[in-house]
Amino acid sequence: MRTVDEALGEILSRVERLKPCRLPLSDCSGLVLAEDLISREDQPPFDNSAMDGYAVRQQDSREASPSAPVRLRIVDEIPAGRVPGRTVGAGEASHIMTGAMIPTGADAVVPVENVTVQGLEIELTAPVRPGEHIRATGEHIRDGERVVPSGSVLGPAEIGMAALLGYPELACYPRPRVAILATGDELVEPGAPMAQGQIRNSNSYALEAQVRCLGAIPVRLGIVPDDEARLEQVIRQKLPEVDAFVTSAGVSVGKHDYVLPVLERLGGELLLWKIRMRPGKPLGFGRLDGRPFFGLPGNPVSSMVGFEVFVRPALLRMMGHLRVEPPSLEARLGEPVSKRENFRFFLRCQLAREGEGWFATTTGPQGSNILKSLIQADGLMELPEERSHLDAGEKVKVRLLWNRPLPR
């Protein structure tokens, strides 16, 4: 039986990034860049105005004062996107809009609110500095500059930058397609009538949502009954259509737990089974036809925690992420807790801020079937293997869940 850290290390060593592909810029949000984003021109590509105002020669303003204003003749109007039609000469000014090209001869811009317009002339009552309110060519980005390095996550700013630099498409690591298959005679879909002894298939939908939260593509395959031949048929048929395979239930030691034997019969390699953790001990991982294969437990909380601890980082690795660990924080226990020694426990907890720190308390009963414990949770409190009891006030690590906002 592996520890959590041993199992995660084994999984990540066996998972590879997907092959990069070029995608339209509008499809790249949230993906990881697979190439350096290099500027192919200066930004801005020309001197332009930072303000609505008047382009002038700085030397013409040197003697300007409230008691002796300088008058300049307006010779042109320059909207953004138009090349100036006139050079600014001595005693002249061009009316200019924000973002418009600075005309030849001008070396400063006076904001419109700082001038008085008198017909076809303006009055300046103070000197201006050379370059004032001008965005110089290349002051933002130089031609050939590496602006966004390979491995960066493409958020709104990176997407906007790629557009600014003229990239209509980018090389990115694609979103993996992830098969999700629930097993069990007892399962029925939401909305279907339930006979005695049956339960609804919550795991498939929860796992589908977890996959979507990462930006991957879930492929929900429904329910397969406890039929070994049928399970083998579905996996064999659907495997070529996906990049990773996740099953729920059927990985323990029961008479009808067929997932792991089917994996091996299909030519897969079972690399680990059973982890020193609660919930989620009966978890299997292997490879099948070059794809990662995860066999998650059937209890809802065990399934979702197993996904967060092992499947999530593996999918992030496939998507090219350089950092796959979840966001976490340190908190103090708000209550004493006890656990089985030599197992890492993941308790669902709520967080509360007290002073400069956080306190974590469990969400109530922690059974692996109690899905409500996750509904109420801000995170998963990690209790280390070597401890069997922790007192209130001791520090613990809390991994945060699903980008939920922290309580105030």
Protein backbone atom coordinates (compact mmCIF):
# COMPACT_ATOMS: atom_id res chain seq x y z
CA MET A 1 0.00 0.00 0.00
CA ARG A 2 1.46 3.38 -1.06
CA THR A 3 1.46 6.65 0.82
CA VAL A 4 -0.29 9.61 -0.78
CA ASP A 5 3.02 11.22 -1.75
CA GLU A 6 4.41 7.98 -3.20
CA ALA A 7 1.24 7.39 -5.22
CA LEU A 8 1.11 10.94 -6.54
CA GLY A 9 4.78 10.79 -7.51
CA GLU A 10 4.20 7.53 -9.38
CA ILE A 11 1.18 8.94 -11.20
CA LEU A 12 2.89 12.16 -12.28
CA SER A 13 5.94 10.23 -13.49
CA ARG A 14 3.67 8.24 -15.80
CA VAL A 15 1.61 11.12 -17.19
CA GLU A 16 2.82 13.12 -20.18
CA ARG A 17 1.76 16.42 -21.65
CA LEU A 18 -0.50 16.19 -24.66
CA LYS A 19 0.96 17.13 -28.02
CA PRO A 20 0.63 20.89 -28.62
CA CYS A 21 -1.65 22.13 -31.38
CA ARG A 22 -2.38 25.51 -32.93
CA LEU A 23 -5.75 26.95 -31.97
CA PRO A 24 -7.62 30.15 -32.83
CA LEU A 25 -6.90 32.83 -30.27
CA SER A 26 -10.52 32.90 -29.06
CA ASP A 27 -10.25 29.20 -28.12
CA CYS A 28 -7.05 29.54 -26.06
CA SER A 29 -8.35 31.06 -22.83
CA GLY A 30 -7.29 28.96 -19.83
CA LEU A 31 -4.86 26.83 -21.84
CA VAL A 32 -1.10 26.63 -21.38
CA LEU A 33 1.10 28.29 -23.99
CA ALA A 34 3.46 25.86 -25.76
CA GLU A 35 5.68 28.49 -27.38
CA ASP A 36 7.28 31.77 -26.41
CA LEU A 37 5.18 34.75 -27.41
CA ILE A 38 7.65 37.04 -29.19
CA SER A 39 6.88 40.57 -30.28
CA ARG A 40 7.43 41.04 -34.00
CA GLU A 41 7.30 44.82 -33.81
CA ASP A 42 7.68 47.70 -31.39
CA GLN A 43 4.70 48.54 -29.20
CA PRO A 44 3.47 51.12 -29.66
CA PRO A 45 4.58 50.94 -33.31
CA PHE A 46 4.63 54.75 -33.57
CA ASP A 47 4.71 57.74 -31.25
CA ASN A 48 1.12 58.45 -30.22
CA SER A 49 -0.83 60.71 -27.93
CA ALA A 50 -1.77 59.60 -24.43
CA MET A 51 -4.45 62.31 -24.19
CA ASP A 52 -7.02 64.20 -26.17
CA GLY A 53 -5.34 67.56 -26.70
CA TYR A 54 -2.99 69.49 -28.96
CA ALA A 55 0.33 68.37 -30.41
CA VAL A 56 2.83 71.22 -30.10
CA ARG A 57 6.52 72.05 -30.24
CA GLN A 58 7.85 72.27 -26.70
CA GLN A 59 10.07 75.21 -27.55
CA ASP A 60 7.01 77.27 -28.49
CA SER A 61 5.69 76.97 -24.92
CA ARG A 62 8.81 78.06 -23.03
CA GLU A 63 7.62 81.60 -22.31
CA ALA A 64 3.98 80.72 -21.63
CA SER A 65 2.46 82.00 -18.37
CA PRO A 66 -0.99 83.02 -17.10
CA SER A 67 -0.07 86.68 -17.52
CA ALA A 68 1.51 86.18 -20.94
CA PRO A 69 -0.15 83.23 -22.70
CA VAL A 70 1.34 81.85 -25.91
CA ARG A 71 -1.02 81.63 -28.89
CA LEU A 72 -0.64 78.79 -31.43
CA ARG A 73 -2.52 78.34 -34.70
CA ILE A 74 -4.47 75.07 -35.19
CA VAL A 75 -3.38 73.56 -38.53
CA ASP A 76 -4.77 70.00 -38.44
CA GLU A 77 -7.07 67.58 -36.66
CA ILE A 78 -5.74 64.03 -36.14
CA PRO A 79 -8.19 61.30 -35.08
CA ALA A 80 -6.88 57.88 -34.04
CA GLY A 81 -6.12 55.71 -37.04
CA ARG A 82 -5.27 58.56 -39.43
CA VAL A 83 -1.80 59.55 -40.58
CA PRO A 84 -1.17 63.27 -39.85
CA GLY A 85 -1.49 65.41 -42.95
CA ARG A 86 0.60 68.35 -41.75
CA THR A 87 3.93 69.01 -40.10
CA VAL A 88 3.71 71.14 -36.98
CA GLY A 89 5.84 74.23 -37.52
CA ALA A 90 6.77 77.18 -35.35
CA GLY A 91 3.71 78.75 -33.76
CA GLU A 92 1.45 75.86 -34.81
CA ALA A 93 -0.52 73.07 -33.14
CA SER A 94 -2.54 70.05 -34.28
CA HIS A 95 -5.73 68.97 -32.54
CA ILE A 96 -5.05 65.28 -31.65
CA MET A 97 -7.06 62.43 -30.16
CA THR A 98 -5.92 59.74 -27.73
CA GLY A 99 -3.95 57.04 -29.58
CA ALA A 100 -3.42 59.14 -32.71
CA MET A 101 -0.01 59.39 -34.37
CA ILE A 102 2.15 62.34 -33.31
CA PRO A 103 2.76 64.60 -36.31
CA THR A 104 6.25 65.46 -37.50
CA GLY A 105 7.58 68.54 -35.74
CA ALA A 106 5.61 68.09 -32.52
CA ASP A 107 7.33 66.78 -29.39
CA ALA A 108 4.66 67.26 -26.70
CA VAL A 109 0.90 67.10 -26.19
CA VAL A 110 -1.08 69.60 -24.13
CA PRO A 111 -4.31 68.08 -22.72
CA VAL A 112 -7.44 69.73 -24.02
CA GLU A 113 -8.43 70.84 -20.50
CA ASN A 114 -5.18 72.82 -20.18
CA VAL A 115 -5.74 75.11 -23.16
CA THR A 116 -8.12 77.88 -24.07
CA VAL A 117 -9.48 77.72 -27.61
CA GLN A 118 -9.93 81.06 -29.35
CA GLY A 119 -11.40 80.35 -32.79
CA LEU A 120 -8.60 78.72 -34.83
CA GLU A 121 -6.01 79.29 -32.11
CA ILE A 122 -5.18 77.94 -28.68
CA GLU A 123 -3.66 79.69 -25.71
CA LEU A 124 -1.03 78.04 -23.48
CA THR A 125 -0.53 79.44 -19.99
CA ALA A 126 2.33 77.16 -18.88
CA PRO A 127 5.37 75.53 -20.49
CA VAL A 128 5.30 71.83 -21.40
CA ARG A 129 8.10 69.29 -21.17
CA PRO A 130 9.55 67.45 -24.18
CA GLY A 131 7.72 64.12 -24.59
CA GLU A 132 4.90 65.12 -22.26
CA HIS A 133 1.78 62.96 -22.81
CA ILE A 134 3.46 61.10 -25.69
CA ARG A 135 3.71 57.32 -25.78
CA ALA A 136 7.05 56.72 -27.47
CA THR A 137 7.64 54.02 -30.07
CA GLY A 138 8.62 50.78 -28.29
CA GLU A 139 8.27 52.14 -24.76
CA HIS A 140 5.87 49.30 -23.95
CA ILE A 141 7.48 46.41 -25.84
CA ARG A 142 10.51 46.19 -28.11
CA ASP A 143 10.65 44.27 -31.39
CA GLY A 144 11.96 40.74 -30.63
CA GLU A 145 11.11 40.88 -26.92
CA ARG A 146 9.81 37.69 -25.28
CA VAL A 147 6.58 38.93 -23.77
CA VAL A 148 4.90 35.72 -22.54
CA PRO A 149 7.09 32.65 -21.93
CA SER A 150 6.15 29.11 -22.89
CA GLY A 151 4.36 27.38 -20.01
CA SER A 152 2.28 30.41 -19.09
CA VAL A 153 -1.44 30.00 -18.47
CA LEU A 154 -3.36 32.11 -20.97
CA GLY A 155 -5.64 34.39 -19.00
CA PRO A 156 -7.42 37.51 -20.23
CA ALA A 157 -4.26 39.65 -20.14
CA GLU A 158 -2.21 37.10 -22.10
CA ILE A 159 -4.97 36.68 -24.69
CA GLY A 160 -5.20 40.44 -25.08
CA MET A 161 -1.41 40.67 -25.46
CA ALA A 162 -1.38 37.99 -28.16
CA ALA A 163 -3.99 39.96 -30.08
CA LEU A 164 -2.00 43.18 -29.62
CA LEU A 165 1.08 41.46 -31.04
CA GLY A 166 -0.84 40.20 -34.07
CA TYR A 167 -1.19 36.49 -33.27
CA PRO A 168 -4.46 35.10 -34.68
CA GLU A 169 -3.65 31.64 -33.27
CA LEU A 170 -1.31 30.13 -30.68
CA ALA A 171 0.43 26.82 -30.01
CA CYS A 172 -1.15 25.45 -26.83
CA TYR A 173 -1.51 22.18 -24.97
CA PRO A 174 -5.06 21.04 -25.73
CA ARG A 175 -7.82 20.20 -23.30
CA PRO A 176 -7.79 16.44 -22.59
CA ARG A 177 -10.95 14.47 -23.22
CA VAL A 178 -11.71 12.51 -20.06
CA ALA A 179 -14.02 9.49 -20.05
CA ILE A 180 -16.19 9.13 -16.93
CA LEU A 181 -17.84 5.76 -16.39
CA ALA A 182 -19.92 4.71 -13.37
CA THR A 183 -20.32 1.02 -12.56
CA GLY A 184 -22.86 -0.83 -10.44
CA ASP A 185 -26.18 -2.66 -10.66
CA GLU A 186 -27.54 -0.39 -7.94
CA LEU A 187 -27.20 2.83 -9.93
CA VAL A 188 -29.93 4.71 -11.78
CA GLU A 189 -29.74 8.07 -13.52
CA PRO A 190 -31.32 11.20 -11.99
CA GLY A 191 -34.97 11.37 -12.99
CA ALA A 192 -35.30 7.61 -13.54
CA PRO A 193 -37.59 5.59 -11.24
CA MET A 194 -35.75 3.85 -8.39
CA ALA A 195 -36.47 0.32 -7.28
CA GLN A 196 -35.73 -0.91 -3.78
CA GLY A 197 -32.00 -1.18 -3.15
CA GLN A 198 -31.05 1.31 -5.85
CA ILE A 199 -29.37 4.71 -5.56
CA ARG A 200 -28.90 7.59 -7.98
CA ASN A 201 -25.73 8.03 -9.99
CA SER A 202 -24.27 11.15 -8.38
CA ASN A 203 -20.61 10.33 -8.99
CA SER A 204 -20.65 10.71 -12.77
CA TYR A 205 -22.12 14.18 -12.56
CA ALA A 206 -19.82 15.30 -9.74
CA LEU A 207 -16.76 14.03 -11.62
CA GLU A 208 -17.98 15.68 -14.81
CA ALA A 209 -18.16 18.99 -12.95
CA GLN A 210 -14.69 18.48 -11.47
CA VAL A 211 -13.26 17.86 -14.94
CA ARG A 212 -14.94 21.00 -16.28
CA CYS A 213 -13.58 23.06 -13.38
CA LEU A 214 -10.08 22.24 -14.61
CA GLY A 215 -10.84 23.26 -18.18
CA ALA A 216 -10.70 19.68 -19.50
CA ILE A 217 -13.47 18.06 -21.55
CA PRO A 218 -15.61 15.44 -19.76
CA VAL A 219 -17.06 12.55 -21.76
CA ARG A 220 -19.72 11.03 -19.54
CA LEU A 221 -20.40 7.44 -20.55
CA GLY A 222 -23.30 6.72 -18.21
CA ILE A 223 -23.67 3.56 -16.15
CA VAL A 224 -22.39 0.05 -16.80
CA PRO A 225 -23.93 -2.70 -14.64
CA ASP A 226 -21.81 -5.21 -12.75
CA ASP A 227 -21.18 -7.21 -15.91
CA GLU A 228 -17.54 -7.92 -16.68
CA ALA A 229 -18.03 -8.50 -20.41
CA ARG A 230 -20.12 -5.34 -20.83
CA LEU A 231 -17.55 -3.29 -18.89
CA GLU A 232 -14.76 -4.57 -21.10
CA GLN A 233 -16.78 -3.80 -24.23
CA VAL A 234 -17.47 -0.19 -23.22
CA ILE A 235 -13.87 0.55 -22.23
CA ARG A 236 -12.51 -1.04 -25.41
CA GLN A 237 -14.98 0.89 -27.59
CA LYS A 238 -14.60 4.32 -25.96
CA LEU A 239 -10.88 4.34 -25.15
CA PRO A 240 -9.71 5.56 -28.60
CA GLU A 241 -11.98 8.62 -28.29
CA VAL A 242 -10.41 9.99 -25.08
CA ASP A 243 -7.07 10.97 -23.54
CA ALA A 244 -7.74 9.66 -20.02
CA PHE A 245 -10.21 7.23 -18.47
CA VAL A 246 -11.88 7.54 -15.06
CA THR A 247 -14.18 4.92 -13.55
CA SER A 248 -16.22 5.14 -10.37
CA ALA A 249 -16.70 2.04 -8.16
CA GLY A 250 -15.71 -1.53 -8.93
CA VAL A 251 -12.11 -1.18 -7.69
CA SER A 252 -12.32 -2.80 -4.25
CA VAL A 253 -12.26 -6.50 -3.31
CA GLY A 254 -15.93 -7.32 -3.75
CA LYS A 255 -17.22 -10.21 -5.83
CA HIS A 256 -18.52 -7.80 -8.48
CA ASP A 257 -15.55 -5.41 -8.58
CA TYR A 258 -14.38 -5.93 -12.16
CA VAL A 259 -12.59 -2.72 -13.15
CA LEU A 260 -9.00 -3.71 -12.36
CA PRO A 261 -9.22 -7.25 -13.83
CA VAL A 262 -10.70 -5.76 -17.02
CA LEU A 263 -7.89 -3.21 -17.17
CA GLU A 264 -5.29 -5.97 -17.13
CA ARG A 265 -7.17 -8.20 -19.56
CA LEU A 266 -7.27 -5.33 -22.07
CA GLY A 267 -3.48 -5.17 -21.94
CA GLY A 268 -3.26 -2.36 -19.42
CA GLU A 269 -0.68 -2.04 -16.68
CA LEU A 270 -1.89 -1.70 -13.09
CA LEU A 271 0.72 0.51 -11.43
CA LEU A 272 -0.79 1.05 -8.00
CA TRP A 273 -3.80 0.01 -5.96
CA LYS A 274 -4.81 1.04 -2.46
CA ILE A 275 -3.50 4.23 -0.90
CA ARG A 276 -2.85 5.02 2.75
CA MET A 277 -5.57 7.64 2.85
CA ARG A 278 -9.11 8.19 4.08
CA PRO A 279 -11.43 8.65 2.36
CA GLY A 280 -10.34 7.01 -0.88
CA LYS A 281 -8.21 4.01 0.09
CA PRO A 282 -9.41 1.62 -2.68
CA LEU A 283 -8.06 3.65 -5.60
CA GLY A 284 -6.31 2.20 -8.62
CA PHE A 285 -4.10 3.75 -11.28
CA GLY A 286 -2.65 2.27 -14.43
CA ARG A 287 -2.04 2.85 -18.10
CA LEU A 288 -4.07 1.47 -20.96
CA ASP A 289 -2.99 1.96 -24.56
CA GLY A 290 -0.77 4.87 -23.53
CA ARG A 291 -3.52 6.60 -21.56
CA PRO A 292 -3.79 7.16 -17.80
CA PHE A 293 -6.54 5.07 -16.24
CA PHE A 294 -8.00 5.92 -12.82
CA GLY A 295 -10.25 3.60 -10.87
CA LEU A 296 -11.93 5.71 -8.19
CA PRO A 297 -13.93 4.34 -5.25
CA GLY A 298 -17.71 4.24 -5.38
CA ASN A 299 -18.56 6.22 -2.27
CA PRO A 300 -19.28 9.80 -3.38
CA VAL A 301 -16.85 11.59 -1.06
CA SER A 302 -14.11 9.02 -1.69
CA SER A 303 -14.57 9.46 -5.43
CA MET A 304 -14.40 13.25 -5.31
CA VAL A 305 -11.48 13.40 -2.87
CA GLY A 306 -9.58 10.83 -4.94
CA PHE A 307 -10.12 13.00 -7.98
CA GLU A 308 -8.85 16.13 -6.22
CA VAL A 309 -5.75 14.43 -4.83
CA PHE A 310 -4.69 12.36 -7.86
CA VAL A 311 -6.70 12.93 -11.03
CA ARG A 312 -6.65 16.73 -10.86
CA PRO A 313 -2.83 17.05 -10.84
CA ALA A 314 -2.52 14.40 -13.56
CA LEU A 315 -4.91 16.24 -15.87
CA LEU A 316 -3.15 19.54 -15.18
CA ARG A 317 0.14 17.86 -16.15
CA MET A 318 -1.45 16.63 -19.40
CA MET A 319 -2.58 20.20 -20.08
CA GLY A 320 1.00 21.46 -19.77
CA HIS A 321 0.74 23.16 -16.38
CA LEU A 322 4.10 23.60 -14.66
CA ARG A 323 2.47 23.78 -11.23
CA VAL A 324 -0.09 21.10 -10.45
CA GLU A 325 -0.41 21.41 -6.69
CA PRO A 326 -3.71 22.85 -5.43
CA PRO A 327 -3.97 26.23 -3.73
CA SER A 328 -3.72 25.81 0.03
CA LEU A 329 -3.33 27.73 3.25
CA GLU A 330 -2.31 27.07 6.84
CA ALA A 331 -4.98 27.08 9.51
CA ARG A 332 -5.31 26.23 13.17
CA LEU A 333 -7.63 23.48 14.26
CA GLY A 334 -10.80 24.76 15.83
CA GLU A 335 -11.40 21.42 17.54
CA PRO A 336 -9.42 18.29 18.52
CA VAL A 337 -9.44 15.47 15.94
CA SER A 338 -8.40 11.83 16.06
CA LYS A 339 -7.61 9.44 13.22
CA ARG A 340 -6.01 6.16 12.29
CA GLU A 341 -2.23 6.30 12.40
CA ASN A 342 -0.21 5.72 9.18
CA PHE A 343 -3.06 7.03 7.02
CA ARG A 344 -3.42 10.57 5.69
CA PHE A 345 -6.90 11.88 6.35
CA PHE A 346 -8.68 14.50 4.27
CA LEU A 347 -11.40 16.03 6.41
CA ARG A 348 -13.94 18.38 4.90
CA CYS A 349 -13.70 21.66 6.74
CA GLN A 350 -15.01 25.18 6.98
CA LEU A 351 -12.68 28.13 7.40
CA ALA A 352 -13.13 31.19 9.58
CA ARG A 353 -10.77 34.14 9.87
CA GLU A 354 -9.79 35.18 13.37
CA GLY A 355 -7.37 38.08 13.58
CA GLU A 356 -4.58 37.52 11.07
CA GLY A 357 -5.06 33.77 10.73
CA TRP A 358 -7.51 31.04 9.78
CA PHE A 359 -9.28 28.44 11.89
CA ALA A 360 -10.57 25.18 10.42
CA THR A 361 -13.45 23.10 11.78
CA THR A 362 -14.95 19.96 10.30
CA THR A 363 -18.27 20.12 8.50
CA GLY A 364 -19.84 17.48 10.72
CA PRO A 365 -19.97 13.72 10.12
CA GLN A 366 -17.11 12.68 7.84
CA GLY A 367 -18.34 9.39 6.42
CA SER A 368 -17.31 8.68 2.82
CA ASN A 369 -20.97 8.55 1.80
CA ILE A 370 -21.90 11.95 3.26
CA LEU A 371 -21.82 14.20 0.23
CA LYS A 372 -23.26 17.06 2.29
CA SER A 373 -19.89 17.33 4.03
CA LEU A 374 -18.43 18.63 0.75
CA ILE A 375 -21.34 20.97 0.04
CA GLN A 376 -20.51 22.84 3.24
CA ALA A 377 -16.71 22.70 2.85
CA ASP A 378 -14.24 25.44 2.00
CA GLY A 379 -11.43 22.93 1.72
CA LEU A 380 -9.88 19.61 2.68
CA MET A 381 -7.97 19.57 5.95
CA GLU A 382 -4.92 17.29 5.65
CA LEU A 383 -3.98 15.28 8.73
CA PRO A 384 -0.50 13.74 8.39
CA GLU A 385 0.14 10.00 8.43
CA GLU A 386 2.34 9.98 11.52
CA ARG A 387 -0.25 11.55 13.85
CA SER A 388 -3.23 9.82 15.45
CA HIS A 389 -4.47 12.84 17.39
CA LEU A 390 -4.23 16.60 16.94
CA ASP A 391 -5.32 19.12 19.55
CA ALA A 392 -7.31 22.28 18.97
CA GLY A 393 -4.99 25.11 17.99
CA GLU A 394 -2.47 22.94 16.14
CA LYS A 395 -1.58 23.99 12.60
CA VAL A 396 -2.84 22.00 9.61
CA LYS A 397 -2.70 22.38 5.84
CA VAL A 398 -6.01 23.06 4.10
CA ARG A 399 -6.26 22.54 0.34
CA LEU A 400 -8.87 24.83 -1.14
CA LEU A 401 -11.66 23.51 -3.34
CA TRP A 402 -12.90 24.54 -6.77
CA ASN A 403 -11.98 28.23 -6.66
CA ARG A 404 -14.56 28.88 -3.98
CA PRO A 405 -14.22 32.37 -2.48
CA LEU A 406 -12.80 32.36 1.02
CA PRO A 407 -15.15 33.47 3.79
CA ARG A 408 -14.64 37.01 5.04
